[in-house]
Amino acid sequence: MSKKIVINTDPLIAIIAGLGNLKVLEKLYEEVMVPYEVGQEMLAKKNITNDAKIFDENSWLNKLNRPVKLNSFLSNSLDKGEASVIQVAIDNGIKTVCIDEAAGRRIARLNDLKVTGSLGVIISAIKIGEDLAIESVIRNMRENGVWISNKLAEEAIKLVKTKY
């Protein structure tokens, strides 16, 4: 497992919503980089939400401690979190990013990055033998305010079912 990934705010929130923790990231990746901007977004609601508390407690995450200098295309095209994820990946030679938003995913691909999302992380965990039920994870995400289209949910379920 020599995998590294840079992750955005929404996938962190979605994974916590679906599982109650971030352990799948630790099992799947040897390094999970969190740009400063993403960390700030997560911690902005520290006393309000459980996801911020869980994020803060996971000291194994590589939480960068200063803002990244964004190239103008990224800063003008995306919000700070998504832009910083892509910039940190480029600056550090990391090939994979975890972004859920369509615009961020498109621009990541334009920068020759591989893209996964919160459900992609869950599917990868199931593939390596984690005992997770994709339907339950999706239900938990939805019950905790994460929007997942019916089409995406069906595709995720199908991906898990066809791999076994």
Protein backbone atom coordinates (compact mmCIF):
# COMPACT_ATOMS: atom_id res chain seq x y z
CA MET A 1 0.00 0.00 0.00
CA SER A 2 1.98 3.00 -1.22
CA LYS A 3 -1.05 5.14 -1.80
CA LYS A 4 -1.28 8.81 -0.96
CA ILE A 5 -4.32 11.01 -1.33
CA VAL A 6 -5.31 14.64 -0.78
CA ILE A 7 -8.86 15.01 0.54
CA ASN A 8 -11.47 17.77 0.49
CA THR A 9 -13.98 18.80 3.17
CA ASP A 10 -17.16 17.24 1.74
CA PRO A 11 -15.73 13.70 1.47
CA LEU A 12 -14.45 13.94 5.06
CA ILE A 13 -17.90 14.96 6.23
CA ALA A 14 -19.61 12.28 4.11
CA ILE A 15 -17.33 9.46 5.31
CA ILE A 16 -17.88 10.47 8.93
CA ALA A 17 -21.64 10.70 8.26
CA GLY A 18 -21.66 7.23 6.72
CA LEU A 19 -19.38 5.42 9.14
CA GLY A 20 -19.00 7.58 12.23
CA ASN A 21 -15.21 7.63 11.82
CA LEU A 22 -12.35 7.95 9.31
CA LYS A 23 -10.75 4.52 9.83
CA VAL A 24 -11.27 3.44 6.20
CA LEU A 25 -8.95 6.22 5.06
CA GLU A 26 -6.25 5.03 7.43
CA LYS A 27 -6.62 1.46 6.12
CA LEU A 28 -6.62 2.45 2.44
CA TYR A 29 -3.87 5.07 2.33
CA GLU A 30 -0.42 5.37 3.82
CA GLU A 31 -0.81 9.16 3.80
CA VAL A 32 -3.94 11.30 3.77
CA MET A 33 -3.06 14.95 3.22
CA VAL A 34 -5.49 17.61 4.36
CA PRO A 35 -4.77 21.10 3.01
CA TYR A 36 -4.78 23.89 5.55
CA GLU A 37 -7.89 25.38 3.94
CA VAL A 38 -9.80 22.09 4.31
CA GLY A 39 -8.70 21.75 7.93
CA GLN A 40 -9.95 25.27 8.62
CA GLU A 41 -13.32 24.46 7.03
CA MET A 42 -13.61 21.34 9.19
CA LEU A 43 -12.59 23.06 12.42
CA ALA A 44 -14.75 26.15 11.84
CA LYS A 45 -17.66 24.26 13.36
CA LYS A 46 -15.68 22.44 16.04
CA ASN A 47 -18.06 23.11 18.90
CA ILE A 48 -21.15 22.51 16.78
CA THR A 49 -20.75 19.25 14.90
CA ASN A 50 -19.45 15.78 15.61
CA ASP A 51 -17.63 15.56 12.26
CA ALA A 52 -15.33 18.43 13.27
CA LYS A 53 -14.56 16.67 16.57
CA ILE A 54 -13.82 13.36 14.82
CA PHE A 55 -11.63 15.16 12.27
CA ASP A 56 -9.71 16.92 15.04
CA GLU A 57 -9.13 13.66 16.96
CA ASN A 58 -7.56 11.86 13.97
CA SER A 59 -3.94 12.89 14.50
CA TRP A 60 -2.70 10.40 11.87
CA LEU A 61 -4.09 12.68 9.13
CA ASN A 62 -1.37 14.85 7.60
CA LYS A 63 -3.00 18.21 8.33
CA LEU A 64 -1.00 20.93 6.63
CA ASN A 65 -0.39 23.91 8.89
CA ARG A 66 -0.21 26.77 6.40
CA PRO A 67 -2.19 27.98 3.39
CA VAL A 68 -1.15 26.77 -0.03
CA LYS A 69 -0.27 29.28 -2.73
CA LEU A 70 -2.93 28.70 -5.38
CA ASN A 71 -2.35 29.24 -9.05
CA SER A 72 -4.77 31.82 -10.43
CA PHE A 73 -6.73 29.35 -12.58
CA LEU A 74 -7.57 27.19 -9.57
CA SER A 75 -8.37 30.13 -7.28
CA ASN A 76 -10.66 31.67 -9.91
CA SER A 77 -12.39 28.39 -10.82
CA LEU A 78 -13.08 26.65 -7.52
CA ASP A 79 -13.70 27.29 -3.85
CA LYS A 80 -10.62 27.42 -1.63
CA GLY A 81 -11.00 23.85 -0.37
CA GLU A 82 -11.18 22.17 -3.78
CA ALA A 83 -8.52 24.47 -5.24
CA SER A 84 -6.15 23.74 -2.36
CA VAL A 85 -6.68 19.96 -2.69
CA ILE A 86 -5.67 20.08 -6.36
CA GLN A 87 -2.76 22.47 -5.72
CA VAL A 88 -1.38 20.37 -2.84
CA ALA A 89 -1.60 17.23 -4.98
CA ILE A 90 0.26 18.93 -7.85
CA ASP A 91 2.88 20.48 -5.56
CA ASN A 92 3.57 17.18 -3.79
CA GLY A 93 3.38 14.83 -6.77
CA ILE A 94 0.35 13.03 -5.34
CA LYS A 95 -1.69 11.45 -8.12
CA THR A 96 -5.07 10.96 -6.40
CA VAL A 97 -7.53 13.42 -4.89
CA CYS A 98 -10.80 12.86 -3.07
CA ILE A 99 -13.36 15.44 -4.19
CA ASP A 100 -17.14 14.99 -4.35
CA GLU A 101 -18.13 18.14 -6.29
CA ALA A 102 -18.42 17.86 -10.08
CA ALA A 103 -16.51 21.06 -10.95
CA GLY A 104 -13.60 20.13 -8.72
CA ARG A 105 -13.50 16.62 -10.15
CA ARG A 106 -13.41 17.98 -13.72
CA ILE A 107 -10.59 20.40 -12.99
CA ALA A 108 -8.63 17.72 -11.10
CA ARG A 109 -8.86 15.48 -14.19
CA LEU A 110 -7.71 18.39 -16.38
CA ASN A 111 -4.62 18.46 -14.16
CA ASP A 112 -4.01 14.73 -14.80
CA LEU A 113 -5.10 13.68 -11.32
CA LYS A 114 -7.05 10.54 -10.50
CA VAL A 115 -10.27 11.33 -8.71
CA THR A 116 -12.28 9.43 -6.16
CA GLY A 117 -15.08 10.54 -3.89
CA SER A 118 -16.55 9.54 -0.57
CA LEU A 119 -18.45 6.60 -2.06
CA GLY A 120 -15.36 5.56 -4.04
CA VAL A 121 -13.44 5.36 -0.76
CA ILE A 122 -16.18 3.21 0.78
CA ILE A 123 -16.25 0.91 -2.28
CA SER A 124 -12.45 0.56 -2.15
CA ALA A 125 -12.66 -0.37 1.53
CA ILE A 126 -15.27 -3.02 0.78
CA LYS A 127 -13.05 -4.41 -2.00
CA ILE A 128 -10.16 -4.93 0.44
CA GLY A 129 -12.43 -6.83 2.81
CA GLU A 130 -13.89 -4.22 5.14
CA ASP A 131 -17.19 -5.47 6.50
CA LEU A 132 -19.39 -2.60 5.32
CA ALA A 133 -22.81 -2.65 3.74
CA ILE A 134 -22.92 0.00 1.04
CA GLU A 135 -26.68 0.43 1.40
CA SER A 136 -26.32 1.17 5.14
CA VAL A 137 -23.49 3.61 4.57
CA ILE A 138 -25.52 5.49 1.94
CA ARG A 139 -28.54 5.53 4.25
CA ASN A 140 -26.41 6.90 7.12
CA MET A 141 -24.93 9.56 4.85
CA ARG A 142 -28.37 10.66 3.72
CA GLU A 143 -29.77 10.64 7.27
CA ASN A 144 -26.87 12.87 8.31
CA GLY A 145 -27.51 15.45 5.60
CA VAL A 146 -25.22 14.27 2.80
CA TRP A 147 -26.94 14.53 -0.57
CA ILE A 148 -26.49 11.48 -2.79
CA SER A 149 -28.54 11.15 -5.96
CA ASN A 150 -30.50 7.96 -6.52
CA LYS A 151 -28.47 7.35 -9.68
CA LEU A 152 -25.15 7.60 -7.82
CA ALA A 153 -26.44 5.37 -5.02
CA GLU A 154 -27.57 2.75 -7.54
CA GLU A 155 -24.21 2.88 -9.36
CA ALA A 156 -22.31 2.45 -6.08
CA ILE A 157 -24.46 -0.52 -5.06
CA LYS A 158 -24.02 -2.08 -8.50
CA LEU A 159 -20.22 -1.61 -8.35
CA VAL A 160 -20.05 -3.40 -5.02
CA LYS A 161 -22.36 -6.24 -6.15
CA THR A 162 -20.63 -6.86 -9.51
CA LYS A 163 -17.18 -7.14 -7.95
CA TYR A 164 -18.13 -10.27 -5.98
